[in-house]
Amino acid sequence: MVVYETLPGEFCRKSITGIQLSAEAGQDIEGIKSLWQTCRAEPGSGGEWLFGENSIADAMFAPVALRFAGYNITLDGVVKDYVQTVLEQPCVIEWIAAAKAETEVIADDEIDASQPPGLSLMFLCKTNNYWAMYA
């Protein structure tokens, strides 16, 4: 996904605004939003997650949801609700708080919206008795 290249995962200590998206990244983002809307509209998907209950699909898309929030991507409706659901998970709240408390700064990993993206961060989160890796 172009989203991983355009919106790297180093946003947790600060909110990023005004990032210039390529046409390809914009299309990728719109495709993800459309997919999430479709998943949430499926019969039986009456919960907060993509398919109603928390599933492996949510573990896969959580890093994207975190990027959308961290880069202030314009969201509305069920897509905005879904991102909020991800952000409200205790393990995500804990991880973001720990990242914000980090005092060591590695200059090469800092985000500069005018420069090419850098490395992604990863973390493990236990949700509904399974572990997921978020990048």
C-alpha atoms as a PDB file:
ATOM      1  CA  MET A   1       0.000   0.000   0.000  1.00  0.00           C
ATOM      2  CA  VAL A   2       1.252   3.437  -0.906  1.00  0.00           C
ATOM      3  CA  VAL A   3      -0.179   4.657   2.401  1.00  0.00           C
ATOM      4  CA  TYR A   4       2.680   2.998   4.310  1.00  0.00           C
ATOM      5  CA  GLU A   5       5.252   4.814   2.187  1.00  0.00           C
ATOM      6  CA  THR A   6       3.497   8.174   2.226  1.00  0.00           C
ATOM      7  CA  LEU A   7       2.393   8.151   5.867  1.00  0.00           C
ATOM      8  CA  PRO A   8       5.207   6.532   7.863  1.00  0.00           C
ATOM      9  CA  GLY A   9       4.557   5.412  11.429  1.00  0.00           C
ATOM     10  CA  GLU A  10       6.586   8.017  13.340  1.00  0.00           C
ATOM     11  CA  PHE A  11       3.618  10.324  14.002  1.00  0.00           C
ATOM     12  CA  CYS A  12       2.831   9.217  17.571  1.00  0.00           C
ATOM     13  CA  ARG A  13       4.570  12.087  19.389  1.00  0.00           C
ATOM     14  CA  LYS A  14       3.098  14.863  17.291  1.00  0.00           C
ATOM     15  CA  SER A  15       0.177  15.538  15.039  1.00  0.00           C
ATOM     16  CA  ILE A  16       1.089  15.991  11.382  1.00  0.00           C
ATOM     17  CA  THR A  17      -0.871  18.338   9.158  1.00  0.00           C
ATOM     18  CA  GLY A  18      -0.412  19.583   5.640  1.00  0.00           C
ATOM     19  CA  ILE A  19       1.395  16.561   4.235  1.00  0.00           C
ATOM     20  CA  GLN A  20       1.425  16.585   0.446  1.00  0.00           C
ATOM     21  CA  LEU A  21      -0.188  13.407  -0.876  1.00  0.00           C
ATOM     22  CA  SER A  22       0.606  12.061  -4.309  1.00  0.00           C
ATOM     23  CA  ALA A  23      -2.319  11.229  -6.574  1.00  0.00           C
ATOM     24  CA  GLU A  24      -1.524   7.540  -6.026  1.00  0.00           C
ATOM     25  CA  ALA A  25      -1.571   7.936  -2.222  1.00  0.00           C
ATOM     26  CA  GLY A  26      -4.862   9.844  -2.420  1.00  0.00           C
ATOM     27  CA  GLN A  27      -6.375   7.029  -4.476  1.00  0.00           C
ATOM     28  CA  ASP A  28      -5.050   4.455  -2.018  1.00  0.00           C
ATOM     29  CA  ILE A  29      -6.599   6.346   0.911  1.00  0.00           C
ATOM     30  CA  GLU A  30      -9.952   6.688  -0.862  1.00  0.00           C
ATOM     31  CA  GLY A  31      -9.856   2.961  -1.692  1.00  0.00           C
ATOM     32  CA  ILE A  32      -9.263   2.080   1.961  1.00  0.00           C
ATOM     33  CA  LYS A  33     -12.101   4.352   3.076  1.00  0.00           C
ATOM     34  CA  SER A  34     -14.412   2.720   0.528  1.00  0.00           C
ATOM     35  CA  LEU A  35     -13.378  -0.761   1.656  1.00  0.00           C
ATOM     36  CA  TRP A  36     -14.033   0.110   5.298  1.00  0.00           C
ATOM     37  CA  GLN A  37     -17.461   1.524   4.426  1.00  0.00           C
ATOM     38  CA  THR A  38     -18.285  -1.688   2.530  1.00  0.00           C
ATOM     39  CA  CYS A  39     -17.140  -3.897   5.420  1.00  0.00           C
ATOM     40  CA  ARG A  40     -19.195  -1.923   7.929  1.00  0.00           C
ATOM     41  CA  ALA A  41     -22.286  -2.172   5.671  1.00  0.00           C
ATOM     42  CA  GLU A  42     -22.144  -5.978   5.353  1.00  0.00           C
ATOM     43  CA  PRO A  43     -24.944  -7.951   7.035  1.00  0.00           C
ATOM     44  CA  GLY A  44     -23.880  -8.962  10.534  1.00  0.00           C
ATOM     45  CA  SER A  45     -21.359  -6.155  10.896  1.00  0.00           C
ATOM     46  CA  GLY A  46     -23.385  -4.256  13.474  1.00  0.00           C
ATOM     47  CA  GLY A  47     -20.501  -3.623  15.867  1.00  0.00           C
ATOM     48  CA  GLU A  48     -17.732  -1.053  16.055  1.00  0.00           C
ATOM     49  CA  TRP A  49     -15.264  -3.119  14.052  1.00  0.00           C
ATOM     50  CA  LEU A  50     -14.992  -3.811  10.329  1.00  0.00           C
ATOM     51  CA  PHE A  51     -17.004  -7.026  10.533  1.00  0.00           C
ATOM     52  CA  GLY A  52     -18.937  -6.326  13.722  1.00  0.00           C
ATOM     53  CA  GLU A  53     -16.652  -8.002  16.246  1.00  0.00           C
ATOM     54  CA  ASN A  54     -12.921  -7.412  16.526  1.00  0.00           C
ATOM     55  CA  SER A  55     -11.121  -9.649  14.023  1.00  0.00           C
ATOM     56  CA  ILE A  56      -7.800 -10.169  12.296  1.00  0.00           C
ATOM     57  CA  ALA A  57      -8.947  -7.643   9.670  1.00  0.00           C
ATOM     58  CA  ASP A  58      -8.944  -4.987  12.387  1.00  0.00           C
ATOM     59  CA  ALA A  59      -5.434  -5.991  13.458  1.00  0.00           C
ATOM     60  CA  MET A  60      -4.326  -5.642   9.848  1.00  0.00           C
ATOM     61  CA  PHE A  61      -5.909  -2.219   9.376  1.00  0.00           C
ATOM     62  CA  ALA A  62      -5.118  -0.725  12.810  1.00  0.00           C
ATOM     63  CA  PRO A  63      -1.789   0.717  11.585  1.00  0.00           C
ATOM     64  CA  VAL A  64      -3.647   2.433   8.756  1.00  0.00           C
ATOM     65  CA  ALA A  65      -6.231   3.827  11.180  1.00  0.00           C
ATOM     66  CA  LEU A  66      -3.418   5.171  13.369  1.00  0.00           C
ATOM     67  CA  ARG A  67      -1.813   6.805  10.343  1.00  0.00           C
ATOM     68  CA  PHE A  68      -5.095   8.403   9.278  1.00  0.00           C
ATOM     69  CA  ALA A  69      -5.477   9.861  12.785  1.00  0.00           C
ATOM     70  CA  GLY A  70      -1.837  10.928  13.142  1.00  0.00           C
ATOM     71  CA  TYR A  71      -1.748  12.659   9.781  1.00  0.00           C
ATOM     72  CA  ASN A  72      -5.189  14.228  10.211  1.00  0.00           C
ATOM     73  CA  ILE A  73      -6.619  12.627   7.090  1.00  0.00           C
ATOM     74  CA  THR A  74     -10.155  13.925   6.536  1.00  0.00           C
ATOM     75  CA  LEU A  75     -12.638  11.251   7.619  1.00  0.00           C
ATOM     76  CA  ASP A  76     -16.366  11.086   8.142  1.00  0.00           C
ATOM     77  CA  GLY A  77     -19.188   8.676   8.933  1.00  0.00           C
ATOM     78  CA  VAL A  78     -18.373   5.046   9.669  1.00  0.00           C
ATOM     79  CA  VAL A  79     -14.731   5.527   8.647  1.00  0.00           C
ATOM     80  CA  LYS A  80     -14.240   8.213  11.287  1.00  0.00           C
ATOM     81  CA  ASP A  81     -16.080   6.030  13.834  1.00  0.00           C
ATOM     82  CA  TYR A  82     -13.860   3.060  13.006  1.00  0.00           C
ATOM     83  CA  VAL A  83     -10.644   5.045  13.477  1.00  0.00           C
ATOM     84  CA  GLN A  84     -11.983   6.305  16.813  1.00  0.00           C
ATOM     85  CA  THR A  85     -12.709   2.710  17.878  1.00  0.00           C
ATOM     86  CA  VAL A  86      -9.088   1.767  17.173  1.00  0.00           C
ATOM     87  CA  LEU A  87      -7.790   4.829  19.041  1.00  0.00           C
ATOM     88  CA  GLU A  88      -9.918   3.998  22.098  1.00  0.00           C
ATOM     89  CA  GLN A  89      -8.401   0.542  22.609  1.00  0.00           C
ATOM     90  CA  PRO A  90      -6.513   0.439  25.942  1.00  0.00           C
ATOM     91  CA  CYS A  91      -3.404  -1.118  24.388  1.00  0.00           C
ATOM     92  CA  VAL A  92      -3.300   1.578  21.689  1.00  0.00           C
ATOM     93  CA  ILE A  93      -3.780   4.343  24.271  1.00  0.00           C
ATOM     94  CA  GLU A  94      -0.952   2.840  26.351  1.00  0.00           C
ATOM     95  CA  TRP A  95       1.368   2.531  23.353  1.00  0.00           C
ATOM     96  CA  ILE A  96       0.772   6.108  22.206  1.00  0.00           C
ATOM     97  CA  ALA A  97       1.296   7.419  25.760  1.00  0.00           C
ATOM     98  CA  ALA A  98       4.594   5.522  26.016  1.00  0.00           C
ATOM     99  CA  ALA A  99       5.697   6.886  22.657  1.00  0.00           C
ATOM    100  CA  LYS A 100       4.867  10.443  23.711  1.00  0.00           C
ATOM    101  CA  ALA A 101       6.834   9.975  26.951  1.00  0.00           C
ATOM    102  CA  GLU A 102       9.926   8.807  25.061  1.00  0.00           C
ATOM    103  CA  THR A 103      12.728  11.345  25.461  1.00  0.00           C
ATOM    104  CA  GLU A 104      15.286   9.897  23.072  1.00  0.00           C
ATOM    105  CA  VAL A 105      15.079  11.448  19.621  1.00  0.00           C
ATOM    106  CA  ILE A 106      16.687   9.842  16.585  1.00  0.00           C
ATOM    107  CA  ALA A 107      16.946  12.617  14.033  1.00  0.00           C
ATOM    108  CA  ASP A 108      16.799  10.259  11.036  1.00  0.00           C
ATOM    109  CA  ASP A 109      13.451   8.906  12.252  1.00  0.00           C
ATOM    110  CA  GLU A 110      11.775  12.277  12.784  1.00  0.00           C
ATOM    111  CA  ILE A 111       9.072  13.303  10.338  1.00  0.00           C
ATOM    112  CA  ASP A 112       9.548  16.228   8.036  1.00  0.00           C
ATOM    113  CA  ALA A 113       6.458  16.483   5.807  1.00  0.00           C
ATOM    114  CA  SER A 114       8.611  17.962   3.048  1.00  0.00           C
ATOM    115  CA  GLN A 115      10.980  14.971   3.003  1.00  0.00           C
ATOM    116  CA  PRO A 116      10.512  11.338   1.913  1.00  0.00           C
ATOM    117  CA  PRO A 117       9.119   9.013   4.590  1.00  0.00           C
ATOM    118  CA  GLY A 118      11.326   7.165   7.048  1.00  0.00           C
ATOM    119  CA  LEU A 119      11.014   3.954   9.040  1.00  0.00           C
ATOM    120  CA  SER A 120       7.842   2.524  10.543  1.00  0.00           C
ATOM    121  CA  LEU A 121       7.275   1.749  14.213  1.00  0.00           C
ATOM    122  CA  MET A 122       5.790  -1.556  15.309  1.00  0.00           C
ATOM    123  CA  PHE A 123       4.108  -2.660  18.505  1.00  0.00           C
ATOM    124  CA  LEU A 124       2.261  -5.678  19.824  1.00  0.00           C
ATOM    125  CA  CYS A 125      -1.229  -5.373  21.220  1.00  0.00           C
ATOM    126  CA  LYS A 126      -3.395  -8.023  22.876  1.00  0.00           C
ATOM    127  CA  THR A 127      -7.070  -7.667  21.980  1.00  0.00           C
ATOM    128  CA  ASN A 128      -9.782 -10.256  22.609  1.00  0.00           C
ATOM    129  CA  ASN A 129      -7.195 -12.866  23.636  1.00  0.00           C
ATOM    130  CA  TYR A 130      -4.956 -12.626  20.582  1.00  0.00           C
ATOM    131  CA  TRP A 131      -1.811 -10.693  19.858  1.00  0.00           C
ATOM    132  CA  ALA A 132      -1.455  -8.477  16.829  1.00  0.00           C
ATOM    133  CA  MET A 133       1.515  -6.601  15.424  1.00  0.00           C
ATOM    134  CA  TYR A 134       0.791  -3.033  14.409  1.00  0.00           C
ATOM    135  CA  ALA A 135       3.221  -1.160  12.208  1.00  0.00           C
END
